[in-house]
Protein backbone atom coordinates (compact mmCIF):
# COMPACT_ATOMS: atom_id res chain seq x y z
CA MET A 1 -48.63 40.95 -15.20
CA GLU A 2 -46.38 40.44 -12.71
CA HIS A 3 -48.56 38.23 -10.60
CA TYR A 4 -48.58 35.75 -13.62
CA LEU A 5 -44.31 35.71 -13.83
CA GLU A 6 -44.62 34.25 -9.99
CA GLN A 7 -47.06 32.00 -10.95
CA LEU A 8 -45.33 31.30 -14.03
CA ILE A 9 -41.95 30.40 -12.63
CA GLU A 10 -43.67 28.71 -9.65
CA ASP A 11 -44.66 26.02 -12.37
CA LEU A 12 -40.99 26.26 -13.69
CA HIS A 13 -39.89 25.25 -10.15
CA LEU A 14 -42.74 22.19 -9.75
CA ILE A 15 -41.83 20.70 -12.47
CA THR A 16 -38.52 20.67 -12.17
CA GLN A 17 -38.95 19.72 -8.29
CA GLY A 18 -38.90 15.93 -8.26
CA LYS A 19 -35.77 13.28 -9.05
CA PRO A 20 -34.02 15.31 -11.78
CA PRO A 21 -33.32 13.26 -15.05
CA LYS A 22 -31.49 10.32 -15.07
CA ASN A 23 -27.62 11.15 -15.56
CA VAL A 24 -25.54 8.73 -17.66
CA GLU A 25 -22.06 8.20 -16.60
CA GLU A 26 -19.89 9.24 -19.81
CA THR A 27 -16.73 8.63 -19.19
CA VAL A 28 -15.68 5.60 -20.92
CA HIS A 29 -13.03 3.68 -19.82
CA ASP A 30 -14.19 -0.40 -20.78
CA GLU A 31 -15.72 -1.67 -23.32
CA ALA A 32 -19.35 -2.13 -22.35
CA ALA A 33 -19.22 1.62 -21.42
CA PHE A 34 -17.72 2.37 -24.85
CA TYR A 35 -20.33 -0.02 -26.87
CA LYS A 36 -23.08 2.07 -25.14
CA HIS A 37 -21.45 5.06 -25.70
CA ILE A 38 -21.46 4.45 -29.06
CA GLU A 39 -25.39 3.58 -28.77
CA ASN A 40 -25.90 6.91 -27.39
CA VAL A 41 -24.05 7.93 -30.14
CA GLU A 42 -26.46 6.72 -32.59
CA ASN A 43 -29.30 7.50 -30.48
CA TYR A 44 -28.59 11.49 -29.99
CA ILE A 45 -27.76 11.88 -34.28
CA HIS A 46 -30.72 9.78 -35.14
CA GLY A 47 -33.55 10.16 -32.79
CA GLU A 48 -36.54 10.88 -32.82
CA GLN A 49 -36.97 14.59 -32.37
CA LYS A 50 -39.49 16.15 -30.18
CA PRO A 51 -41.14 19.73 -29.78
CA ILE A 52 -39.25 21.49 -26.66
CA SER A 53 -42.86 22.05 -25.09
CA ALA A 54 -43.27 18.13 -25.23
CA ILE A 55 -39.81 17.65 -23.89
CA THR A 56 -40.42 20.21 -21.08
CA GLY A 57 -44.07 19.82 -20.42
CA LEU A 58 -44.36 23.88 -20.87
CA MET A 59 -46.24 25.36 -23.93
CA GLN A 60 -45.18 28.58 -25.39
CA GLU A 61 -48.27 29.85 -24.87
CA MET A 62 -47.03 30.17 -21.63
CA LEU A 63 -44.62 32.88 -22.15
CA PRO A 64 -45.45 36.17 -22.82
CA PRO A 65 -44.57 37.93 -25.52
CA PRO A 66 -41.36 40.49 -24.80
CA GLU A 67 -43.20 43.66 -25.94
CA LYS A 68 -45.68 42.43 -23.08
CA LEU A 69 -42.68 42.82 -20.57
CA SER A 70 -40.81 44.82 -19.03
CA GLU A 71 -36.73 44.70 -20.00
CA LYS A 72 -36.66 43.45 -15.60
CA GLN A 73 -39.00 40.93 -16.33
CA GLN A 74 -37.70 39.73 -19.29
CA ALA A 75 -34.06 39.46 -17.61
CA GLN A 76 -35.80 37.56 -14.43
CA LEU A 77 -37.95 35.09 -16.77
CA SER A 78 -34.40 34.64 -18.91
CA VAL A 79 -32.61 33.05 -15.76
CA GLU A 80 -35.70 31.04 -14.61
CA LEU A 81 -35.69 29.46 -18.46
CA GLU A 82 -32.13 28.73 -18.65
CA LYS A 83 -31.84 27.27 -15.28
CA PHE A 84 -35.45 25.48 -16.23
CA LEU A 85 -33.50 23.71 -19.73
CA ARG A 86 -30.51 23.45 -18.49
CA TYR A 87 -32.41 20.31 -16.53
CA PHE A 88 -33.44 19.00 -19.80
CA HIS A 89 -29.78 18.91 -20.88
CA PHE A 90 -30.27 21.97 -23.04
CA GLU A 91 -27.30 24.87 -22.89
CA LEU A 92 -28.44 27.86 -24.88
CA ASP A 93 -24.69 29.51 -25.56
CA PHE A 94 -25.04 33.50 -25.58
CA PRO A 95 -21.86 35.47 -25.89
CA ARG A 96 -20.53 36.45 -22.72
CA GLY A 97 -21.95 39.96 -20.94
CA TYR A 98 -25.08 39.42 -23.46
CA PRO A 99 -27.73 41.43 -21.09
CA ASN A 100 -30.32 38.75 -19.93
CA HIS A 101 -33.13 40.75 -21.04
CA MET A 102 -32.30 40.27 -24.81
CA ARG A 103 -32.21 36.42 -24.08
CA TYR A 104 -35.83 36.52 -23.24
CA PRO A 105 -36.87 36.60 -27.36
CA PHE A 106 -34.32 34.17 -28.71
CA ILE A 107 -35.02 31.42 -25.63
CA ARG A 108 -39.06 32.01 -26.15
CA ASP A 109 -38.44 31.11 -30.14
CA PHE A 110 -36.48 27.98 -29.10
CA TRP A 111 -39.48 26.69 -27.99
CA LYS A 112 -40.33 26.66 -31.93
CA GLU A 113 -37.94 24.17 -32.26
CA GLU A 114 -37.81 20.43 -32.38
CA HIS A 115 -34.55 18.34 -31.09
CA VAL A 116 -33.65 14.77 -29.74
CA PRO A 117 -34.79 14.03 -25.78
CA LEU A 118 -31.70 13.27 -23.81
CA SER A 119 -31.01 11.90 -20.42
CA PHE A 120 -27.82 13.19 -19.81
CA GLY A 121 -25.24 15.35 -21.09
CA SER A 122 -25.74 18.85 -22.80
CA SER A 123 -26.74 19.70 -25.99
CA HIS A 124 -25.75 23.23 -27.09
CA ILE A 125 -27.97 25.30 -28.48
CA GLU A 126 -26.40 28.01 -30.86
CA PHE A 127 -28.63 31.19 -31.56
CA CYS A 128 -25.84 32.84 -34.33
CA ASN A 129 -25.52 31.74 -38.29
CA TYR A 130 -21.98 32.73 -38.67
CA GLU A 131 -23.31 35.01 -41.12
CA LYS A 132 -21.40 38.46 -39.85
CA GLU A 133 -23.81 40.80 -42.18
CA ASN A 134 -26.81 39.07 -40.09
CA CYS A 135 -25.16 38.48 -36.81
CA PRO A 136 -27.77 38.48 -33.56
CA PHE A 137 -25.62 40.13 -31.13
CA PRO A 138 -24.13 42.91 -32.95
CA GLY A 139 -22.02 44.49 -30.38
CA TYR A 140 -21.67 41.10 -28.13
CA CYS A 141 -20.56 38.69 -30.68
CA THR A 142 -17.06 38.47 -32.52
CA ILE A 143 -17.02 34.93 -33.49
CA CYS A 144 -16.95 35.87 -37.19
CA GLU A 145 -13.73 38.28 -36.56
CA GLU A 146 -12.35 35.43 -34.63
CA LEU A 147 -13.10 32.94 -37.77
CA GLU A 148 -11.97 35.15 -40.04
CA ASP A 149 -8.63 36.08 -38.39
CA GLU A 150 -8.30 32.27 -37.92
CA GLU A 151 -8.24 32.30 -42.02
CA ASP A 152 -5.71 35.20 -42.26
CA SER A 153 -3.39 34.15 -39.76
CA GLU A 154 -0.34 32.86 -42.34
CA LEU A 155 -0.72 36.06 -44.09
CA LEU A 156 0.58 37.83 -40.75
CA LYS A 157 4.45 38.51 -41.31
CA ILE A 158 5.87 39.07 -37.81
CA PRO A 159 9.74 39.62 -37.20
CA GLU A 160 11.92 36.21 -37.26
CA LYS A 161 13.13 37.34 -33.62
CA PHE A 162 9.46 36.45 -32.97
CA GLU A 163 8.90 33.52 -35.59
CA LYS A 164 11.31 31.20 -33.14
CA LEU A 165 8.80 32.12 -29.72
CA LEU A 166 6.12 30.80 -31.15
CA ASN A 167 6.29 26.87 -30.80
CA PRO A 168 7.91 27.45 -27.32
CA ILE A 169 5.54 30.36 -26.06
CA ALA A 170 2.47 27.95 -27.31
CA GLN A 171 3.80 24.80 -25.38
CA SER A 172 4.23 26.91 -22.24
CA ILE A 173 0.28 28.64 -22.38
CA ASP A 174 -0.98 25.20 -23.48
CA CYS A 175 0.26 24.37 -19.92
CA GLY A 176 -1.70 26.34 -18.52
CA GLN A 177 1.69 29.01 -18.08
CA ILE A 178 1.55 32.92 -18.39
CA VAL A 179 4.84 33.92 -20.55
CA TYR A 180 6.52 37.32 -20.34
CA ILE A 181 8.69 38.50 -23.56
CA ASN A 182 11.46 41.22 -22.47
CA LEU A 183 11.24 43.09 -25.63
CA ASP A 184 14.66 44.51 -25.21
CA THR A 185 16.49 41.46 -25.17
CA MET A 186 13.90 38.61 -26.03
CA GLU A 187 14.22 36.38 -22.90
CA THR A 188 10.72 34.63 -21.88
CA GLU A 189 10.42 34.01 -18.86
CA GLU A 190 6.86 31.66 -18.11
CA VAL A 191 5.20 31.89 -14.30
CA ILE A 192 2.37 30.31 -13.03
CA PRO A 193 -1.13 32.57 -12.39
CA ASP A 194 -0.47 32.93 -8.40
CA MET A 195 3.13 34.42 -9.40
CA GLU A 196 2.24 37.59 -11.90
CA ASP A 197 1.39 39.84 -8.61
CA PRO A 198 4.22 41.10 -6.80
CA GLU A 199 1.96 41.25 -3.41
CA ASP A 200 0.60 37.59 -4.46
CA PHE A 201 3.68 36.28 -5.30
CA GLU A 202 4.96 37.79 -1.19
CA ILE A 203 2.11 36.27 -0.05
CA ASN A 204 2.43 32.65 -1.15
CA TYR A 205 5.78 32.46 -1.60
CA GLY A 206 7.82 35.17 0.23
CA GLY A 207 8.88 32.48 3.40
CA CYS A 208 9.88 29.99 0.96
CA SER A 209 13.67 29.62 0.47
CA TRP A 210 12.83 27.68 -3.09
CA ALA A 211 10.45 30.09 -4.94
CA GLN A 212 12.90 32.95 -6.50
CA GLU A 213 11.30 36.04 -7.57
CA PRO A 214 10.00 36.05 -11.57
CA GLU A 215 12.81 38.20 -13.66
CA PHE A 216 9.94 40.12 -15.65
CA TYR A 217 9.39 41.69 -12.21
CA LYS A 218 12.17 43.98 -13.30
CA TRP A 219 11.44 44.47 -17.40
CA GLU A 220 10.85 47.57 -18.84
CA HIS A 221 9.53 47.19 -22.22
CA THR A 222 7.22 43.03 -21.84
CA MET A 223 4.96 41.25 -24.44
CA ARG A 224 2.42 38.88 -21.91
CA PHE A 225 0.50 35.83 -23.39
CA GLU A 226 -2.17 34.12 -20.93
CA PRO A 227 -3.16 30.33 -20.91
CA LEU A 228 -6.63 29.83 -23.35
CA GLU A 229 -10.12 30.41 -21.55
CA SER A 230 -11.98 27.23 -21.47
CA HIS A 231 -14.29 28.46 -24.23
CA GLU A 232 -11.06 28.42 -26.52
CA SER A 233 -9.92 25.63 -25.60
CA PHE A 234 -13.60 24.10 -26.65
CA LYS A 235 -13.09 25.51 -29.67
CA ILE A 236 -9.91 24.15 -30.64
CA MET A 237 -11.65 20.59 -30.14
CA GLU A 238 -14.67 21.65 -32.35
CA ALA A 239 -12.66 22.60 -35.05
CA PHE A 240 -10.23 19.57 -34.87
CA ALA A 241 -13.24 17.44 -35.20
CA GLU A 242 -15.28 19.61 -37.56
CA GLN A 243 -12.55 18.34 -39.77
CA MET A 244 -12.00 15.40 -39.79
CA GLU A 245 -12.39 12.86 -42.79
CA ASP A 246 -13.54 10.00 -41.05
CA GLU A 247 -17.52 10.48 -40.28
CA LYS A 248 -18.21 7.77 -37.44
CA PHE A 249 -15.39 9.25 -35.62
CA LYS A 250 -16.28 12.81 -36.15
CA GLU A 251 -19.71 12.32 -34.64
CA GLN A 252 -18.53 10.66 -31.63
CA LEU A 253 -16.17 13.72 -31.38
CA PHE A 254 -19.15 15.36 -31.67
CA PHE A 255 -21.35 13.75 -29.22
CA SER A 256 -18.74 13.70 -26.42
CA LEU A 257 -17.82 17.29 -26.85
CA ASN A 258 -21.97 17.89 -26.76
CA HIS A 259 -22.59 16.29 -23.13
CA LYS A 260 -21.02 16.05 -19.83
CA LYS A 261 -17.40 16.30 -19.22
CA PRO A 262 -16.47 17.17 -23.23
CA PHE A 263 -12.70 17.90 -22.41
CA ALA A 264 -12.06 14.07 -20.60
CA ASN A 265 -14.25 12.28 -23.27
CA PHE A 266 -12.43 14.07 -25.76
CA LYS A 267 -9.34 13.11 -24.71
CA TRP A 268 -10.31 9.64 -24.11
CA LYS A 269 -11.25 9.43 -27.79
CA ILE A 270 -8.54 10.72 -29.31
CA ASP A 271 -5.94 8.77 -27.15
CA ASN A 272 -7.42 5.49 -27.98
CA SER A 273 -7.81 6.67 -31.57
CA PRO A 274 -5.31 6.43 -34.60
CA TYR A 275 -5.84 10.33 -34.56
CA ARG A 276 -3.56 11.28 -31.63
CA GLN A 277 -0.49 12.73 -33.19
CA ASP A 278 -3.08 14.40 -35.66
CA TRP A 279 -4.67 15.90 -32.49
CA PHE A 280 -1.54 17.58 -31.44
CA ASP A 281 -0.04 18.51 -34.94
CA PHE A 282 -3.69 19.94 -34.90
CA LYS A 283 -3.65 21.98 -30.90
CA ARG A 284 0.11 22.89 -32.12
CA LYS A 285 -0.32 24.85 -35.42
CA TRP A 286 -3.56 26.27 -33.86
CA LEU A 287 -1.65 27.49 -30.74
CA GLU A 288 0.83 28.57 -32.64
CA GLY A 289 -1.74 30.65 -34.95
CA TYR A 290 -2.92 32.20 -31.95
CA VAL A 291 0.23 33.27 -30.07
CA ARG A 292 1.26 34.78 -34.27
CA GLU A 293 -2.13 37.16 -34.20
CA ILE A 294 -1.49 38.11 -30.56
CA ILE A 295 1.92 39.35 -31.58
CA TRP A 296 1.04 40.95 -34.67
CA SER A 297 -1.46 42.79 -33.16
CA LYS A 298 0.88 44.01 -30.36
CA LEU A 299 3.21 45.08 -32.90
CA ASN A 300 0.82 47.22 -35.15
CA GLN A 301 -1.15 48.69 -32.24
CA ASN A 302 2.37 49.93 -30.90
CA LYS A 303 4.91 50.28 -33.81
CA ASN A 304 7.01 52.72 -32.63
CA ASP A 305 7.68 50.94 -29.08
CA TYR A 306 8.85 47.78 -31.40
């Protein structure tokens, strides 16, 4: 089996070592590019689906059944196959930290599917069905719990002294800042990431007369809020697109999100649409709910401290 895997991986490399698939610039800044973008949307939504084997030139029969491989072999093949599929613009979405060897059965089963071939961007492939009781990644995926928390966020009651801080904190983390609350005085302070650690501050700003040491270093009881990670920001954009009633614009947003430069193209779409203020309002409400959940969770974890 070891010799076969070596040959299989070599074949994968041979398929992809030629000229890379054509990549079309997707940031649409002029009218011609915009109409080309719309044409690509139509192709993505209504194009002819083909078996993965036909798109990649690799038959599923060439992939050994999981039970024939050791965990080490499955992990090795998973890494190679994910890179191989990325060449054909398929991005497989697994939970963060999901072991490579456990990915292999999902990747092999992906060869049973049919998709529209793409010459640019990335088509994100989800394996989650959003049914908590049938979760394919038990112990690794928390999406269902997060969705339930979002639905319940309006029911989360927090003290009034925290309520008035929701919007300022939401705006600050949206700008990439870390926010601290002094729980003794309810003061807040925003810092950039490389100012958070005292040692880093001394290294980066110790010789700068204009740089003032953050006040929160001296605070005894604090609550911390950090900027969203990219996958969390992506989730806000997906949620906004999902609730759109304008079906045509909804398709355009999802197309932008599922291809290269999703953040840039989503922003361009929004900024050149009548929904710009709707997006700002939606994101503000989402971030305030996110901050509320953090406060509520910490207050209930440490009820005797507040």
